[in-house]
Amino acid sequence: MTLAEYFDKVCYHGTYFLGDRILGRYQGVPFIGTVGNDNQLNPIDGPFLTVHLDLPIKIDDIVKNVIIVKHNEVSRLKEIALGAPKAGATDSKPVRSGFDSHQAHQKPKKVVKEVSKTESLLDRLKTLKGKTNVVDTKKSRKRTSR
């Protein structure tokens, strides 16, 4: 048996790796941090984690940035996707499920009619003057510099 095989068999193998994100409680104070080390000094005390905190915590008038915790006090932090939602990510609910699926609770959809600027001006002129056959009186103007 080589030394590598011996130490592989006898030594502690960590469950967390350098840089893993974790969350937990340290003396009742919640924290989120990054694993610095997963180690075991002796089998009596068991394994422990060195955690670099995202935000410092103050316990007994001592501000701590790095803490040592046991494995049962922490859990892995799940990854959060910060990018744009994937296609279909908002369509997770089945059709006709929940409060928003009923017609009475949905906002009415607006029908947008494409109207050119000249058509809308003519319609305004018709309503203002009360006439039905209004000729386009808009003259082209030259732009002058100010």
N, C-alpha and C. Protein backbone atom coordinates (compact mmCIF):
# COMPACT_ATOMS: atom_id res chain seq x y z
N MET A 1 0.85 -1.18 0.00
CA MET A 1 0.00 0.00 0.00
C MET A 1 0.90 1.24 0.00
N THR A 2 0.63 2.15 -0.92
CA THR A 2 1.43 3.36 -0.99
C THR A 2 0.89 4.38 0.01
N LEU A 3 1.65 5.45 0.22
CA LEU A 3 1.23 6.49 1.16
C LEU A 3 -0.03 7.19 0.66
N ALA A 4 -0.16 7.39 -0.64
CA ALA A 4 -1.34 8.04 -1.19
C ALA A 4 -2.59 7.21 -0.91
N GLU A 5 -2.50 5.89 -1.08
CA GLU A 5 -3.64 5.02 -0.80
C GLU A 5 -3.96 5.02 0.70
N TYR A 6 -2.93 5.02 1.53
CA TYR A 6 -3.13 5.00 2.98
C TYR A 6 -3.85 6.27 3.43
N PHE A 7 -3.38 7.44 3.03
CA PHE A 7 -4.00 8.69 3.44
C PHE A 7 -5.38 8.87 2.82
N ASP A 8 -5.57 8.31 1.63
CA ASP A 8 -6.89 8.36 1.02
C ASP A 8 -7.89 7.55 1.82
N LYS A 9 -7.43 6.47 2.42
CA LYS A 9 -8.29 5.61 3.21
C LYS A 9 -8.52 6.15 4.61
N VAL A 10 -7.51 6.73 5.24
CA VAL A 10 -7.56 7.12 6.65
C VAL A 10 -8.06 8.55 6.86
N CYS A 11 -7.71 9.46 5.99
CA CYS A 11 -7.98 10.89 6.22
C CYS A 11 -9.44 11.25 5.97
N TYR A 12 -9.81 12.38 6.55
CA TYR A 12 -11.16 12.94 6.38
C TYR A 12 -11.28 13.57 5.00
N HIS A 13 -12.41 13.33 4.32
CA HIS A 13 -12.71 13.94 3.03
C HIS A 13 -13.88 14.89 3.24
N GLY A 14 -13.66 16.15 2.93
CA GLY A 14 -14.68 17.17 3.16
C GLY A 14 -15.89 17.02 2.26
N THR A 15 -17.04 17.50 2.77
CA THR A 15 -18.26 17.48 1.98
C THR A 15 -18.47 18.81 1.26
N TYR A 16 -17.86 19.87 1.77
CA TYR A 16 -17.92 21.18 1.14
C TYR A 16 -16.56 21.52 0.56
N PHE A 17 -16.56 22.27 -0.52
CA PHE A 17 -15.32 22.65 -1.17
C PHE A 17 -15.10 24.15 -1.05
N LEU A 18 -13.89 24.58 -1.29
CA LEU A 18 -13.54 25.99 -1.23
C LEU A 18 -14.43 26.79 -2.17
N GLY A 19 -15.10 27.80 -1.63
CA GLY A 19 -15.95 28.67 -2.45
C GLY A 19 -17.41 28.28 -2.47
N ASP A 20 -17.79 27.16 -1.87
CA ASP A 20 -19.20 26.79 -1.81
C ASP A 20 -19.96 27.81 -0.99
N ARG A 21 -21.17 28.16 -1.46
CA ARG A 21 -22.01 29.14 -0.77
C ARG A 21 -22.92 28.41 0.22
N ILE A 22 -22.97 28.91 1.45
CA ILE A 22 -23.78 28.27 2.49
C ILE A 22 -24.55 29.32 3.27
N LEU A 23 -25.58 28.86 3.97
CA LEU A 23 -26.30 29.72 4.89
C LEU A 23 -26.60 28.93 6.14
N GLY A 24 -26.80 29.64 7.24
CA GLY A 24 -27.06 28.97 8.51
C GLY A 24 -27.20 29.97 9.64
N ARG A 25 -27.07 29.46 10.87
CA ARG A 25 -27.16 30.29 12.07
C ARG A 25 -25.92 30.05 12.92
N TYR A 26 -25.37 31.14 13.43
CA TYR A 26 -24.22 31.07 14.33
C TYR A 26 -24.64 31.74 15.63
N GLN A 27 -24.80 30.96 16.68
CA GLN A 27 -25.27 31.44 17.99
C GLN A 27 -26.57 32.23 17.85
N GLY A 28 -27.47 31.73 17.01
CA GLY A 28 -28.77 32.35 16.84
C GLY A 28 -28.83 33.47 15.81
N VAL A 29 -27.71 33.85 15.24
CA VAL A 29 -27.67 34.93 14.25
C VAL A 29 -27.58 34.31 12.85
N PRO A 30 -28.54 34.62 11.95
CA PRO A 30 -28.47 34.06 10.60
C PRO A 30 -27.31 34.68 9.81
N PHE A 31 -26.72 33.87 8.92
CA PHE A 31 -25.61 34.35 8.10
C PHE A 31 -25.63 33.67 6.75
N ILE A 32 -24.96 34.31 5.80
CA ILE A 32 -24.68 33.73 4.48
C ILE A 32 -23.20 33.97 4.23
N GLY A 33 -22.52 32.93 3.75
CA GLY A 33 -21.09 33.07 3.55
C GLY A 33 -20.53 32.07 2.56
N THR A 34 -19.21 32.05 2.49
CA THR A 34 -18.47 31.20 1.58
C THR A 34 -17.55 30.28 2.37
N VAL A 35 -17.52 29.01 2.01
CA VAL A 35 -16.67 28.04 2.71
C VAL A 35 -15.21 28.35 2.41
N GLY A 36 -14.43 28.46 3.48
CA GLY A 36 -13.00 28.66 3.33
C GLY A 36 -12.26 27.36 3.48
N ASN A 37 -12.74 26.49 4.40
CA ASN A 37 -12.06 25.24 4.67
C ASN A 37 -13.04 24.27 5.29
N ASP A 38 -12.97 23.01 4.90
CA ASP A 38 -13.73 21.93 5.51
C ASP A 38 -12.69 20.96 6.05
N ASN A 39 -12.60 20.85 7.39
CA ASN A 39 -11.49 20.14 7.99
C ASN A 39 -11.95 19.36 9.21
N GLN A 40 -11.07 18.45 9.67
CA GLN A 40 -11.30 17.72 10.92
C GLN A 40 -9.95 17.57 11.61
N LEU A 41 -9.87 18.11 12.83
CA LEU A 41 -8.62 18.00 13.58
C LEU A 41 -8.52 16.67 14.31
N ASN A 42 -9.61 16.23 14.92
CA ASN A 42 -9.62 14.93 15.60
C ASN A 42 -11.02 14.32 15.50
N PRO A 43 -11.13 13.00 15.64
CA PRO A 43 -12.44 12.37 15.49
C PRO A 43 -13.39 12.66 16.65
N ILE A 44 -12.89 13.14 17.76
CA ILE A 44 -13.75 13.44 18.92
C ILE A 44 -14.59 14.69 18.64
N ASP A 45 -13.94 15.76 18.18
CA ASP A 45 -14.65 17.01 17.90
C ASP A 45 -15.43 16.93 16.59
N GLY A 46 -14.96 16.15 15.65
CA GLY A 46 -15.65 16.01 14.37
C GLY A 46 -15.26 17.10 13.39
N PRO A 47 -15.82 17.05 12.19
CA PRO A 47 -15.46 18.03 11.16
C PRO A 47 -16.08 19.40 11.45
N PHE A 48 -15.44 20.43 10.90
CA PHE A 48 -15.93 21.80 11.05
C PHE A 48 -15.65 22.57 9.76
N LEU A 49 -16.33 23.70 9.63
CA LEU A 49 -16.17 24.57 8.48
C LEU A 49 -15.66 25.93 8.90
N THR A 50 -14.74 26.47 8.14
CA THR A 50 -14.36 27.87 8.30
C THR A 50 -15.14 28.65 7.25
N VAL A 51 -15.93 29.64 7.70
CA VAL A 51 -16.83 30.36 6.81
C VAL A 51 -16.44 31.84 6.77
N HIS A 52 -16.26 32.36 5.56
CA HIS A 52 -16.02 33.78 5.35
C HIS A 52 -17.39 34.43 5.10
N LEU A 53 -17.81 35.30 5.99
CA LEU A 53 -19.15 35.88 5.94
C LEU A 53 -19.26 36.97 4.89
N ASP A 54 -20.45 37.07 4.28
CA ASP A 54 -20.72 38.16 3.34
C ASP A 54 -20.81 39.48 4.08
N LEU A 55 -21.52 39.48 5.20
CA LEU A 55 -21.65 40.66 6.04
C LEU A 55 -21.17 40.31 7.44
N PRO A 56 -20.43 41.19 8.09
CA PRO A 56 -19.96 40.87 9.44
C PRO A 56 -21.12 40.80 10.43
N ILE A 57 -20.94 39.97 11.46
CA ILE A 57 -21.95 39.88 12.52
C ILE A 57 -21.30 40.28 13.84
N LYS A 58 -22.12 40.83 14.73
CA LYS A 58 -21.61 41.29 16.02
C LYS A 58 -22.23 40.43 17.11
N ILE A 59 -21.38 39.71 17.83
CA ILE A 59 -21.81 38.85 18.92
C ILE A 59 -20.98 39.19 20.15
N ASP A 60 -21.69 39.54 21.24
CA ASP A 60 -21.02 39.93 22.51
C ASP A 60 -20.02 41.05 22.29
N ASP A 61 -20.42 42.08 21.55
CA ASP A 61 -19.60 43.26 21.25
C ASP A 61 -18.32 42.92 20.49
N ILE A 62 -18.30 41.79 19.80
CA ILE A 62 -17.16 41.41 18.96
C ILE A 62 -17.68 41.24 17.54
N VAL A 63 -17.08 41.96 16.60
CA VAL A 63 -17.47 41.87 15.20
C VAL A 63 -16.65 40.76 14.55
N LYS A 64 -17.38 39.83 13.89
CA LYS A 64 -16.71 38.67 13.29
C LYS A 64 -16.95 38.66 11.79
N ASN A 65 -15.89 38.43 11.03
CA ASN A 65 -15.95 38.27 9.58
C ASN A 65 -15.76 36.82 9.17
N VAL A 66 -15.08 36.04 10.02
CA VAL A 66 -14.83 34.63 9.77
C VAL A 66 -15.29 33.86 11.00
N ILE A 67 -16.06 32.79 10.78
CA ILE A 67 -16.55 31.98 11.90
C ILE A 67 -16.25 30.51 11.63
N ILE A 68 -16.28 29.71 12.70
CA ILE A 68 -16.09 28.27 12.59
C ILE A 68 -17.39 27.61 13.05
N VAL A 69 -17.99 26.80 12.19
CA VAL A 69 -19.28 26.16 12.49
C VAL A 69 -19.21 24.67 12.18
N LYS A 70 -20.16 23.93 12.74
CA LYS A 70 -20.29 22.50 12.46
C LYS A 70 -21.17 22.30 11.23
N HIS A 71 -21.10 21.12 10.64
CA HIS A 71 -21.85 20.82 9.43
C HIS A 71 -23.36 20.86 9.66
N ASN A 72 -23.82 20.47 10.83
CA ASN A 72 -25.27 20.42 11.08
C ASN A 72 -25.87 21.81 11.28
N GLU A 73 -25.07 22.87 11.37
CA GLU A 73 -25.56 24.23 11.55
C GLU A 73 -25.74 24.97 10.22
N VAL A 74 -25.33 24.37 9.10
CA VAL A 74 -25.37 25.06 7.82
C VAL A 74 -26.07 24.20 6.77
N SER A 75 -26.44 24.85 5.68
CA SER A 75 -26.98 24.15 4.51
C SER A 75 -26.48 24.87 3.26
N ARG A 76 -26.48 24.15 2.16
CA ARG A 76 -26.02 24.74 0.89
C ARG A 76 -26.99 25.81 0.43
N LEU A 77 -26.45 26.85 -0.14
CA LEU A 77 -27.26 27.92 -0.71
C LEU A 77 -27.56 27.56 -2.15
N LYS A 78 -28.85 27.55 -2.51
CA LYS A 78 -29.23 27.21 -3.87
C LYS A 78 -28.89 28.35 -4.80
N GLU A 79 -28.54 28.02 -6.05
CA GLU A 79 -28.20 29.04 -7.03
C GLU A 79 -29.45 29.79 -7.46
N ILE A 80 -29.32 31.08 -7.64
CA ILE A 80 -30.41 31.92 -8.08
C ILE A 80 -30.04 32.49 -9.43
N ALA A 81 -30.88 32.26 -10.42
CA ALA A 81 -30.62 32.79 -11.75
C ALA A 81 -30.98 34.26 -11.78
N LEU A 82 -30.02 35.12 -12.06
CA LEU A 82 -30.25 36.55 -12.05
C LEU A 82 -30.51 37.10 -13.44
N GLY A 83 -30.39 36.29 -14.46
CA GLY A 83 -30.59 36.76 -15.82
C GLY A 83 -32.07 36.88 -16.15
N ALA A 84 -32.35 37.09 -17.41
CA ALA A 84 -33.73 37.20 -17.88
C ALA A 84 -34.41 35.84 -17.73
N PRO A 85 -35.71 35.83 -17.46
CA PRO A 85 -36.39 34.54 -17.33
C PRO A 85 -36.39 33.78 -18.64
N LYS A 86 -36.31 32.47 -18.52
CA LYS A 86 -36.29 31.62 -19.71
C LYS A 86 -37.66 31.61 -20.35
N ALA A 87 -37.69 31.24 -21.60
CA ALA A 87 -38.97 31.17 -22.31
C ALA A 87 -39.84 30.12 -21.65
N GLY A 88 -41.05 30.49 -21.31
CA GLY A 88 -41.96 29.57 -20.67
C GLY A 88 -41.79 29.46 -19.18
N ALA A 89 -40.88 30.22 -18.59
CA ALA A 89 -40.65 30.13 -17.15
C ALA A 89 -41.83 30.68 -16.38
N THR A 90 -42.55 31.65 -16.96
CA THR A 90 -43.70 32.23 -16.27
C THR A 90 -44.96 31.41 -16.50
N ASP A 91 -44.91 30.46 -17.41
CA ASP A 91 -46.08 29.64 -17.73
C ASP A 91 -46.06 28.34 -16.95
N SER A 92 -45.61 28.37 -15.70
CA SER A 92 -45.47 27.14 -14.94
C SER A 92 -46.81 26.61 -14.45
N LYS A 93 -47.82 27.48 -14.33
CA LYS A 93 -49.11 27.02 -13.85
C LYS A 93 -49.90 26.42 -15.01
N PRO A 94 -50.62 25.34 -14.74
CA PRO A 94 -51.46 24.78 -15.79
C PRO A 94 -52.62 25.71 -16.11
N VAL A 95 -53.23 25.51 -17.26
CA VAL A 95 -54.34 26.34 -17.71
C VAL A 95 -55.52 26.15 -16.75
N ARG A 96 -56.22 27.25 -16.47
CA ARG A 96 -57.40 27.28 -15.61
C ARG A 96 -57.08 26.84 -14.18
N SER A 97 -55.91 27.21 -13.67
CA SER A 97 -55.60 26.89 -12.28
C SER A 97 -55.41 28.20 -11.52
N GLY A 98 -56.03 28.33 -10.41
CA GLY A 98 -55.81 29.49 -9.55
C GLY A 98 -56.75 30.63 -9.82
N PHE A 99 -56.55 31.69 -9.09
CA PHE A 99 -57.43 32.85 -9.07
C PHE A 99 -57.37 33.64 -10.36
N ASP A 100 -56.18 33.78 -10.94
CA ASP A 100 -56.00 34.65 -12.11
C ASP A 100 -56.52 34.05 -13.40
N SER A 101 -56.86 32.77 -13.40
CA SER A 101 -57.26 32.15 -14.66
C SER A 101 -58.71 32.44 -15.03
N HIS A 102 -59.53 32.89 -14.10
CA HIS A 102 -60.93 33.15 -14.40
C HIS A 102 -61.08 34.46 -15.16
N GLN A 103 -62.02 34.48 -16.09
CA GLN A 103 -62.21 35.64 -16.95
C GLN A 103 -62.57 36.90 -16.17
N ALA A 104 -63.31 36.75 -15.08
CA ALA A 104 -63.75 37.91 -14.32
C ALA A 104 -62.58 38.63 -13.66
N HIS A 105 -61.47 37.94 -13.43
CA HIS A 105 -60.34 38.52 -12.71
C HIS A 105 -59.23 39.00 -13.62
N GLN A 106 -59.41 38.85 -14.92
CA GLN A 106 -58.37 39.28 -15.85
C GLN A 106 -58.70 40.66 -16.38
N LYS A 107 -57.67 41.43 -16.62
CA LYS A 107 -57.85 42.77 -17.18
C LYS A 107 -58.26 42.64 -18.65
N PRO A 108 -59.18 43.47 -19.08
CA PRO A 108 -59.55 43.40 -20.51
C PRO A 108 -58.39 43.86 -21.37
N LYS A 109 -58.21 43.17 -22.47
CA LYS A 109 -57.11 43.51 -23.37
C LYS A 109 -57.55 44.65 -24.28
N LYS A 110 -56.68 45.64 -24.43
CA LYS A 110 -56.98 46.77 -25.29
C LYS A 110 -56.68 46.42 -26.74
N VAL A 111 -57.58 46.84 -27.60
CA VAL A 111 -57.37 46.66 -29.03
C VAL A 111 -56.76 47.95 -29.55
N VAL A 112 -55.57 47.84 -30.07
CA VAL A 112 -54.85 49.02 -30.55
C VAL A 112 -55.06 49.11 -32.05
N LYS A 113 -55.63 50.23 -32.48
CA LYS A 113 -55.85 50.46 -33.90
C LYS A 113 -54.74 51.38 -34.39
N GLU A 114 -54.08 50.94 -35.44
CA GLU A 114 -53.00 51.73 -36.01
C GLU A 114 -53.59 52.87 -36.83
N VAL A 115 -53.36 54.09 -36.39
CA VAL A 115 -53.89 55.26 -37.09
C VAL A 115 -52.71 56.18 -37.37
N SER A 116 -52.64 56.64 -38.63
CA SER A 116 -51.56 57.55 -38.97
C SER A 116 -51.85 58.93 -38.37
N LYS A 117 -50.85 59.75 -38.35
CA LYS A 117 -50.99 61.07 -37.74
C LYS A 117 -51.98 61.95 -38.51
N THR A 118 -51.95 61.86 -39.83
CA THR A 118 -52.87 62.70 -40.63
C THR A 118 -54.31 62.24 -40.45
N GLU A 119 -54.54 60.92 -40.33
CA GLU A 119 -55.90 60.43 -40.11
C GLU A 119 -56.44 60.90 -38.77
N SER A 120 -55.61 60.87 -37.76
CA SER A 120 -56.08 61.31 -36.44
C SER A 120 -56.35 62.81 -36.43
N LEU A 121 -55.55 63.60 -37.16
CA LEU A 121 -55.80 65.04 -37.23
C LEU A 121 -57.09 65.32 -37.98
N LEU A 122 -57.35 64.58 -39.05
CA LEU A 122 -58.59 64.76 -39.80
C LEU A 122 -59.80 64.41 -38.94
N ASP A 123 -59.70 63.33 -38.17
CA ASP A 123 -60.80 62.96 -37.29
C ASP A 123 -61.06 64.04 -36.25
N ARG A 124 -60.03 64.63 -35.73
CA ARG A 124 -60.19 65.70 -34.74
C ARG A 124 -60.86 66.92 -35.36
N LEU A 125 -60.42 67.24 -36.59
CA LEU A 125 -61.04 68.38 -37.28
C LEU A 125 -62.52 68.13 -37.56
N LYS A 126 -62.87 66.90 -37.94
CA LYS A 126 -64.26 66.56 -38.21
C LYS A 126 -65.12 66.75 -36.96
N THR A 127 -64.61 66.30 -35.83
CA THR A 127 -65.41 66.41 -34.60
C THR A 127 -65.49 67.86 -34.14
N LEU A 128 -64.45 68.64 -34.37
CA LEU A 128 -64.48 70.04 -33.95
C LEU A 128 -65.41 70.87 -34.81
N LYS A 129 -65.35 70.68 -36.11
CA LYS A 129 -66.14 71.50 -37.03
C LYS A 129 -67.53 70.91 -37.30
N GLY A 130 -67.71 69.63 -37.03
CA GLY A 130 -69.00 69.00 -37.27
C GLY A 130 -69.25 68.70 -38.72
N LYS A 131 -68.26 68.75 -39.57
CA LYS A 131 -68.42 68.49 -40.99
C LYS A 131 -67.94 67.08 -41.30
N THR A 132 -68.47 66.51 -42.35
CA THR A 132 -68.09 65.16 -42.73
C THR A 132 -67.02 65.13 -43.81
N ASN A 133 -66.97 66.10 -44.69
CA ASN A 133 -65.96 66.09 -45.75
C ASN A 133 -64.98 67.24 -45.54
N VAL A 134 -64.00 66.99 -44.73
CA VAL A 134 -62.98 67.99 -44.43
C VAL A 134 -61.76 67.65 -45.26
N VAL A 135 -61.21 68.64 -45.90
CA VAL A 135 -60.04 68.46 -46.73
C VAL A 135 -58.81 68.66 -45.86
N ASP A 136 -57.76 67.92 -46.18
CA ASP A 136 -56.52 68.05 -45.45
C ASP A 136 -55.94 69.43 -45.69
N THR A 137 -55.87 70.23 -44.63
CA THR A 137 -55.39 71.60 -44.77
C THR A 137 -53.97 71.77 -44.27
N LYS A 138 -53.33 70.69 -43.97
CA LYS A 138 -51.99 70.78 -43.42
C LYS A 138 -51.01 71.17 -44.52
N LYS A 139 -50.25 72.22 -44.29
CA LYS A 139 -49.25 72.67 -45.24
C LYS A 139 -47.89 72.23 -44.75
N SER A 140 -47.03 71.92 -45.66
CA SER A 140 -45.68 71.55 -45.26
C SER A 140 -44.93 72.82 -44.88
N ARG A 141 -44.28 72.75 -43.76
CA ARG A 141 -43.54 73.91 -43.27
C ARG A 141 -42.06 73.64 -43.35
N LYS A 142 -41.32 74.69 -43.62
CA LYS A 142 -39.88 74.56 -43.60
C LYS A 142 -39.39 74.72 -42.17
N ARG A 143 -38.44 73.91 -41.84
CA ARG A 143 -37.86 74.04 -40.51
C ARG A 143 -36.85 75.16 -40.50
N THR A 144 -36.94 75.96 -39.49
CA THR A 144 -35.99 77.05 -39.35
C THR A 144 -35.13 76.76 -38.14
N SER A 145 -33.90 77.13 -38.25
CA SER A 145 -33.00 76.91 -37.12
C SER A 145 -33.27 77.94 -36.05
N ARG A 146 -33.14 77.56 -34.86
CA ARG A 146 -33.42 78.49 -33.75
C ARG A 146 -32.19 79.16 -33.27
